Protein backbone atom coordinates (compact mmCIF):
# COMPACT_ATOMS: atom_id res chain seq x y z
CA MET A 1 -178.83 12.40 -130.90
CA ASN A 2 -175.68 10.47 -129.70
CA ILE A 3 -172.08 11.65 -129.27
CA SER A 4 -169.15 9.58 -129.44
CA VAL A 5 -165.83 10.91 -127.97
CA VAL A 6 -162.51 9.99 -129.58
CA ILE A 7 -159.27 10.51 -127.66
CA PRO A 8 -156.13 9.92 -129.70
CA ALA A 9 -153.24 9.22 -127.32
CA TYR A 10 -149.50 8.86 -127.90
CA ASN A 11 -147.26 8.43 -124.81
CA ALA A 12 -149.94 10.31 -122.86
CA GLU A 13 -149.55 8.56 -119.40
CA ARG A 14 -149.17 12.03 -117.79
CA PHE A 15 -152.35 13.57 -119.18
CA LEU A 16 -154.79 10.83 -120.14
CA GLN A 17 -156.49 10.31 -116.74
CA ARG A 18 -157.36 13.98 -116.52
CA SER A 19 -158.80 13.96 -120.13
CA ILE A 20 -160.80 10.82 -119.67
CA ARG A 21 -162.21 12.06 -116.28
CA SER A 22 -163.18 15.25 -117.89
CA VAL A 23 -165.31 13.28 -120.36
CA LEU A 24 -166.87 10.87 -117.81
CA GLU A 25 -167.81 13.92 -115.71
CA GLN A 26 -169.85 15.60 -118.40
CA THR A 27 -173.40 16.64 -117.42
CA GLU A 28 -174.36 15.30 -120.82
CA PRO A 29 -172.93 11.73 -120.67
CA PRO A 30 -171.51 10.61 -124.22
CA PHE A 31 -172.77 7.42 -125.90
CA GLU A 32 -169.19 6.06 -125.78
CA VAL A 33 -165.56 6.97 -125.16
CA ILE A 34 -162.95 5.62 -127.43
CA VAL A 35 -159.16 5.88 -126.61
CA ILE A 36 -156.94 5.15 -129.66
CA ASP A 37 -153.51 4.41 -128.53
CA ASP A 38 -151.25 5.40 -131.37
CA GLY A 39 -148.26 2.87 -130.44
CA SER A 40 -147.42 4.37 -127.23
CA SER A 41 -144.29 3.05 -125.44
CA ASP A 42 -145.14 4.33 -121.95
CA GLN A 43 -148.03 3.44 -119.55
CA THR A 44 -150.78 4.90 -121.79
CA ALA A 45 -152.47 1.46 -121.92
CA ALA A 46 -152.41 1.02 -118.15
CA VAL A 47 -154.02 4.55 -117.51
CA ALA A 48 -156.74 3.57 -120.04
CA ALA A 49 -157.26 0.19 -118.39
CA SER A 50 -157.76 1.80 -114.96
CA PHE A 51 -161.21 3.11 -116.24
CA GLY A 52 -162.36 -0.28 -117.04
CA ASN A 53 -165.58 -0.68 -119.16
CA HIS A 54 -166.23 3.06 -118.95
CA ILE A 55 -164.07 3.44 -122.16
CA GLN A 56 -163.31 1.48 -125.23
CA TYR A 57 -159.48 1.13 -125.81
CA VAL A 58 -157.98 0.42 -129.35
CA ARG A 59 -154.33 0.07 -129.92
CA GLN A 60 -152.70 0.72 -133.40
CA GLN A 61 -149.14 0.93 -134.80
CA ASN A 62 -147.83 4.53 -134.52
CA GLY A 63 -149.06 6.47 -137.39
CA GLY A 64 -149.72 10.00 -136.21
CA PRO A 65 -152.90 11.99 -134.90
CA ALA A 66 -154.76 11.83 -138.28
CA LYS A 67 -154.54 8.01 -138.48
CA ALA A 68 -155.55 7.77 -134.80
CA ARG A 69 -158.55 10.05 -135.24
CA ASN A 70 -159.62 8.23 -138.39
CA ALA A 71 -159.45 4.86 -136.39
CA GLY A 72 -161.81 6.28 -133.81
CA LEU A 73 -164.14 7.64 -136.56
CA ARG A 74 -164.42 4.24 -137.94
CA VAL A 75 -165.09 2.49 -134.68
CA ALA A 76 -167.54 5.03 -133.47
CA LYS A 77 -171.34 4.31 -133.64
CA SER A 78 -172.75 7.91 -133.03
CA GLU A 79 -173.90 10.40 -135.47
CA TRP A 80 -171.81 13.09 -133.85
CA ILE A 81 -168.03 12.82 -132.92
CA ALA A 82 -166.39 15.02 -130.31
CA PHE A 83 -162.49 14.82 -130.43
CA LEU A 84 -160.41 15.46 -127.36
CA ASP A 85 -156.55 15.35 -127.47
CA ALA A 86 -155.15 13.32 -124.58
CA ASP A 87 -153.31 16.48 -123.17
CA ASP A 88 -156.55 18.60 -123.19
CA TRP A 89 -159.63 18.45 -121.13
CA TRP A 90 -163.21 19.75 -121.03
CA ARG A 91 -165.49 21.80 -118.59
CA PRO A 92 -168.39 19.59 -117.34
CA GLU A 93 -171.04 21.26 -119.46
CA LYS A 94 -169.28 21.14 -122.75
CA LEU A 95 -171.09 18.37 -124.48
CA HIS A 96 -174.45 19.54 -123.07
CA VAL A 97 -174.05 22.96 -124.58
CA GLN A 98 -172.83 21.56 -127.93
CA LYS A 99 -175.80 19.07 -128.21
CA LYS A 100 -178.18 21.75 -127.37
CA ARG A 101 -176.87 24.03 -130.11
CA ALA A 102 -176.70 21.09 -132.75
CA LEU A 103 -180.28 20.30 -131.98
CA GLU A 104 -181.37 23.83 -132.61
CA ASP A 105 -179.86 23.97 -136.10
CA PRO A 106 -180.34 20.87 -138.34
CA GLU A 107 -177.99 22.27 -140.91
CA ALA A 108 -174.98 22.39 -138.57
CA LEU A 109 -172.11 20.19 -139.59
CA VAL A 110 -169.61 21.39 -136.96
CA VAL A 111 -170.30 22.74 -133.34
CA TYR A 112 -167.28 24.19 -131.68
CA THR A 113 -166.47 26.00 -128.41
CA GLY A 114 -164.01 28.70 -127.22
CA MET A 115 -160.98 27.54 -125.36
CA GLN A 116 -158.97 28.46 -122.40
CA ILE A 117 -155.15 28.05 -122.92
CA PHE A 118 -152.83 26.71 -120.35
CA GLY A 119 -149.15 26.50 -120.05
CA GLU A 120 -146.99 23.38 -119.25
CA GLN A 121 -147.11 24.28 -115.49
CA GLY A 122 -150.90 24.74 -115.41
CA GLU A 123 -150.72 28.58 -115.72
CA ALA A 124 -153.69 30.28 -117.46
CA LEU A 125 -152.34 32.03 -120.57
CA GLY A 126 -155.56 33.41 -122.07
CA GLU A 127 -158.73 32.57 -124.05
CA ALA A 128 -159.27 32.06 -127.75
CA PHE A 129 -162.48 32.11 -129.79
CA THR A 130 -163.25 32.86 -133.50
CA PRO A 131 -166.83 33.56 -134.33
CA PRO A 132 -168.31 31.55 -137.32
CA ILE A 133 -168.65 34.73 -139.44
CA ALA A 134 -164.89 35.16 -139.25
CA LEU A 135 -163.94 31.62 -140.16
CA TRP A 136 -164.05 32.23 -143.82
CA PRO A 137 -161.91 33.38 -145.60
CA GLN A 138 -159.49 33.09 -142.67
CA PHE A 139 -159.39 29.26 -143.05
CA ARG A 140 -157.58 30.01 -146.34
CA TRP A 141 -154.46 31.08 -144.55
CA ARG A 142 -154.68 29.77 -140.90
CA ASN A 143 -156.41 27.36 -138.69
CA MET A 144 -158.46 28.75 -135.78
CA LEU A 145 -159.89 25.51 -134.42
CA THR A 146 -158.14 22.89 -132.34
CA PRO A 147 -159.75 19.38 -132.57
CA SER A 148 -160.55 19.31 -128.75
CA CYS A 149 -163.13 22.14 -129.41
CA VAL A 150 -164.95 20.44 -132.16
CA MET A 151 -167.97 18.26 -132.36
CA VAL A 152 -168.63 17.11 -136.05
CA GLN A 153 -171.28 15.03 -137.90
CA ARG A 154 -169.59 11.64 -138.49
CA GLU A 155 -171.02 11.10 -141.98
CA ALA A 156 -169.91 14.63 -143.16
CA LEU A 157 -166.34 13.88 -142.07
CA LEU A 158 -166.44 10.43 -143.45
CA SER A 159 -167.43 11.76 -146.85
CA LEU A 160 -164.16 13.66 -146.92
CA GLY A 161 -162.28 10.37 -146.31
CA GLY A 162 -161.66 11.33 -142.71
CA PHE A 163 -158.49 13.23 -141.83
CA ASP A 164 -155.67 13.15 -144.38
CA GLU A 165 -153.10 10.70 -142.99
CA ASN A 166 -150.17 12.13 -144.93
CA GLN A 167 -150.44 15.20 -142.68
CA LYS A 168 -148.69 15.10 -139.34
CA GLY A 169 -149.94 18.26 -137.69
CA CYS A 170 -152.27 20.22 -140.14
CA GLU A 171 -154.72 17.35 -140.75
CA ASP A 172 -157.44 19.08 -138.78
CA TRP A 173 -157.08 22.38 -140.69
CA GLY A 174 -157.55 20.61 -144.02
CA ALA A 175 -160.65 18.87 -142.86
CA TRP A 176 -162.24 22.09 -141.52
CA PHE A 177 -161.37 23.99 -144.72
CA LYS A 178 -163.23 21.35 -146.79
CA LEU A 179 -166.10 21.10 -144.35
CA ILE A 180 -166.88 24.80 -144.20
CA ARG A 181 -167.68 24.77 -147.92
CA ARG A 182 -170.30 22.13 -147.34
CA GLY A 183 -172.37 23.24 -144.27
CA ARG A 184 -172.72 25.46 -141.28
CA PHE A 185 -170.30 25.84 -138.33
CA ILE A 186 -171.91 26.92 -135.04
CA GLY A 187 -169.62 28.68 -132.55
CA ILE A 188 -169.99 28.73 -128.75
CA ALA A 189 -167.92 31.51 -127.26
CA GLU A 190 -167.71 30.03 -123.78
CA PRO A 191 -164.27 28.65 -123.02
CA LEU A 192 -165.43 25.03 -122.42
CA THR A 193 -162.27 23.45 -123.80
CA CYS A 194 -159.08 23.59 -121.91
CA TYR A 195 -156.10 23.56 -124.33
CA SER A 196 -152.69 22.49 -123.02
CA ARG A 197 -149.79 24.31 -124.81
CA ARG A 198 -146.62 22.22 -124.50
CA PRO A 199 -143.11 22.87 -125.78
CA ALA A 200 -142.60 19.29 -126.68
CA SER A 201 -145.75 18.98 -128.78
CA LEU A 202 -145.84 18.73 -132.62
CA SER A 203 -147.66 22.04 -132.75
CA SER A 204 -144.66 23.82 -130.96
CA ASP A 205 -142.22 22.73 -133.62
CA ALA A 206 -142.05 25.63 -136.02
CA SER A 207 -140.16 24.02 -138.83
CA HIS A 208 -142.34 20.84 -138.78
CA MET A 209 -145.56 22.67 -138.77
CA PHE A 210 -144.51 24.82 -141.61
CA GLN A 211 -143.45 21.85 -143.66
CA ASP A 212 -146.59 19.99 -142.82
CA PHE A 213 -148.76 22.98 -143.90
CA SER A 214 -146.73 23.16 -147.27
CA LYS A 215 -147.88 19.76 -148.19
CA MET A 216 -151.50 20.69 -148.45
CA LEU A 217 -150.96 24.37 -149.90
CA ASP A 218 -151.69 23.31 -153.48
CA THR A 219 -153.97 20.30 -152.96
CA THR A 220 -156.33 21.93 -150.42
CA LEU A 221 -155.87 25.65 -149.73
CA LEU A 222 -155.33 26.60 -153.35
CA ALA A 223 -157.26 23.89 -155.07
CA ASP A 224 -160.27 25.98 -155.98
CA LEU A 225 -158.20 28.99 -157.44
CA SER A 226 -156.31 29.60 -160.63
CA GLY A 227 -154.35 32.21 -162.52
CA LEU A 228 -153.45 35.38 -160.79
CA ARG A 229 -155.62 34.84 -157.65
CA ARG A 230 -153.96 31.59 -157.03
CA TRP A 231 -150.45 33.19 -157.28
CA LEU A 232 -151.40 35.98 -155.00
CA TRP A 233 -153.08 33.87 -152.49
CA ARG A 234 -150.13 31.52 -152.49
CA ARG A 235 -147.81 34.34 -151.38
CA ARG A 236 -150.20 35.65 -148.77
CA ILE A 237 -150.68 32.22 -147.20
CA MET A 238 -147.01 31.56 -147.32
CA SER A 239 -146.33 34.95 -145.79
CA TYR A 240 -148.81 34.37 -142.84
CA GLN A 241 -147.67 30.79 -142.17
CA ALA A 242 -144.00 31.86 -142.09
CA TYR A 243 -145.07 34.64 -139.51
CA SER A 244 -146.88 31.93 -137.61
CA ALA A 245 -143.77 29.79 -137.60
CA ALA A 246 -141.73 32.63 -136.36
CA MET A 247 -144.06 33.23 -133.42
CA THR A 248 -143.97 29.49 -132.60
CA ALA A 249 -140.15 29.67 -132.70
CA ARG A 250 -140.22 32.79 -130.50
CA ALA A 251 -142.32 30.88 -127.90
CA SER A 252 -139.70 28.11 -127.84
CA ILE A 253 -136.94 30.58 -127.58
CA GLU A 254 -135.47 29.62 -130.96
CA ARG A 255 -134.07 32.99 -132.07
CA ASP A 256 -132.34 32.04 -135.35
CA ILE A 257 -135.55 30.13 -136.48
CA GLU A 258 -137.68 33.01 -135.42
CA MET A 259 -135.75 35.53 -137.51
CA ARG A 260 -135.58 33.33 -140.59
CA PHE A 261 -139.30 32.82 -140.72
CA LEU A 262 -139.93 36.56 -140.09
CA VAL A 263 -137.73 37.52 -143.04
CA ARG A 264 -139.23 34.84 -145.19
CA SER A 265 -142.74 36.27 -144.32
CA LEU A 266 -141.91 39.77 -145.26
CA LEU A 267 -140.28 38.63 -148.46
CA GLN A 268 -143.25 36.67 -149.47
CA TRP A 269 -145.62 39.63 -148.98
CA PRO A 270 -143.81 42.94 -148.29
CA SER A 271 -146.98 45.10 -148.06
CA PRO A 272 -147.47 46.48 -144.44
CA PHE A 273 -151.27 46.39 -145.20
CA TRP A 274 -151.34 42.56 -145.14
CA GLN A 275 -151.03 41.50 -141.31
CA PRO A 276 -149.10 44.56 -140.25
CA LYS A 277 -148.29 42.83 -136.93
CA ARG A 278 -145.55 41.06 -138.93
CA TYR A 279 -143.49 44.31 -138.92
CA LEU A 280 -144.06 44.96 -135.31
CA SER A 281 -142.93 41.49 -134.54
CA LEU A 282 -139.76 42.13 -136.64
CA VAL A 283 -139.02 45.15 -134.47
CA VAL A 284 -139.46 43.30 -131.24
CA THR A 285 -137.09 40.51 -132.69
CA LEU A 286 -134.36 43.01 -133.71
CA LYS A 287 -134.47 44.74 -130.37
CA ARG A 288 -133.99 41.52 -128.56
CA ARG A 289 -131.13 40.41 -130.82
CA MET A 290 -129.35 43.78 -130.15
C-alpha cells in the first residue's frame, strides 16, 4: 500500500518548509510528495526547490485549492492520497497510524485523524475530533473534516471527478458528503494533524464561506431530498451555516457581520431546540454590543 502526499500551496513561503519537513520526517515515509504551486507570487517556488529531489514540484495558474488538489490527484501514482495544506503540519506518526488502520479495514475509503488547533502566533487553541458514527447526518449541515486530516482512496475520489473547482472554500465538504454515501470512514481520535487557524485565510472570511457553501446547497447537500423534507432541511442547513458564519465573524472581530448572520440564523429556524447554542451566542453578542 503506497501513499502520495499532495500539498497545495499559494503564497506559502512562510509555512511551506514546516509542512514539507513534517512529511519527510514521517515514521512511515510516503511514496512521493507533490507540491502544487497555485500561481504563487512570493518565494514558494524557492522554498520547494530547497528540498531538491525529495519532492515533486508542479506550478499552475492560480485557480484555487480545489484545482490545486485535483492537479495533485492526477499526478499522484499511489492508491491512497494524503492531503496537507501548506500552513498545516503533521505529527511524525500520522501516516503510519493511518496506513495501519487502512490495512485493517479493506472497505475503508477515508481514514482521518483528530487535530490540534493553533493560532497565528503558535498558541494551542484546543483539539477537535468527530467520531465516524457522528459524521452522518451532520455532513448534511456542516463540515467536520479539514483536508489535512484526511487520507483517501485515489480511485474513489477520482470517481467523483475530484473536488469541485467551482467551489473556493467548501470543495472538501462536498467531496466528503458524496464519499460517505459510498464507503466507510475510519476515524483516529489522536490529534496527529496540526491545523493552523489564520485570520487571513479563506476559511476565516465569513461572507465568502457562506456564499461558497450556498453554491452547493441545492446541487449537493439537498440533491437526494424532495418535497417537504427538502424545504425543512434547506432552512436548517441555512440556519446552521449562518450561525457558523457569525462565529467566524466573531473570531475576526467583525461585529456587524456577526450580528447579521446570527439574526439570519434565527429567522431561518427560530426553534430553540435546533442548535440552541445559537440563542446563547446571541445573548453574548448583545451584551458585547451594549
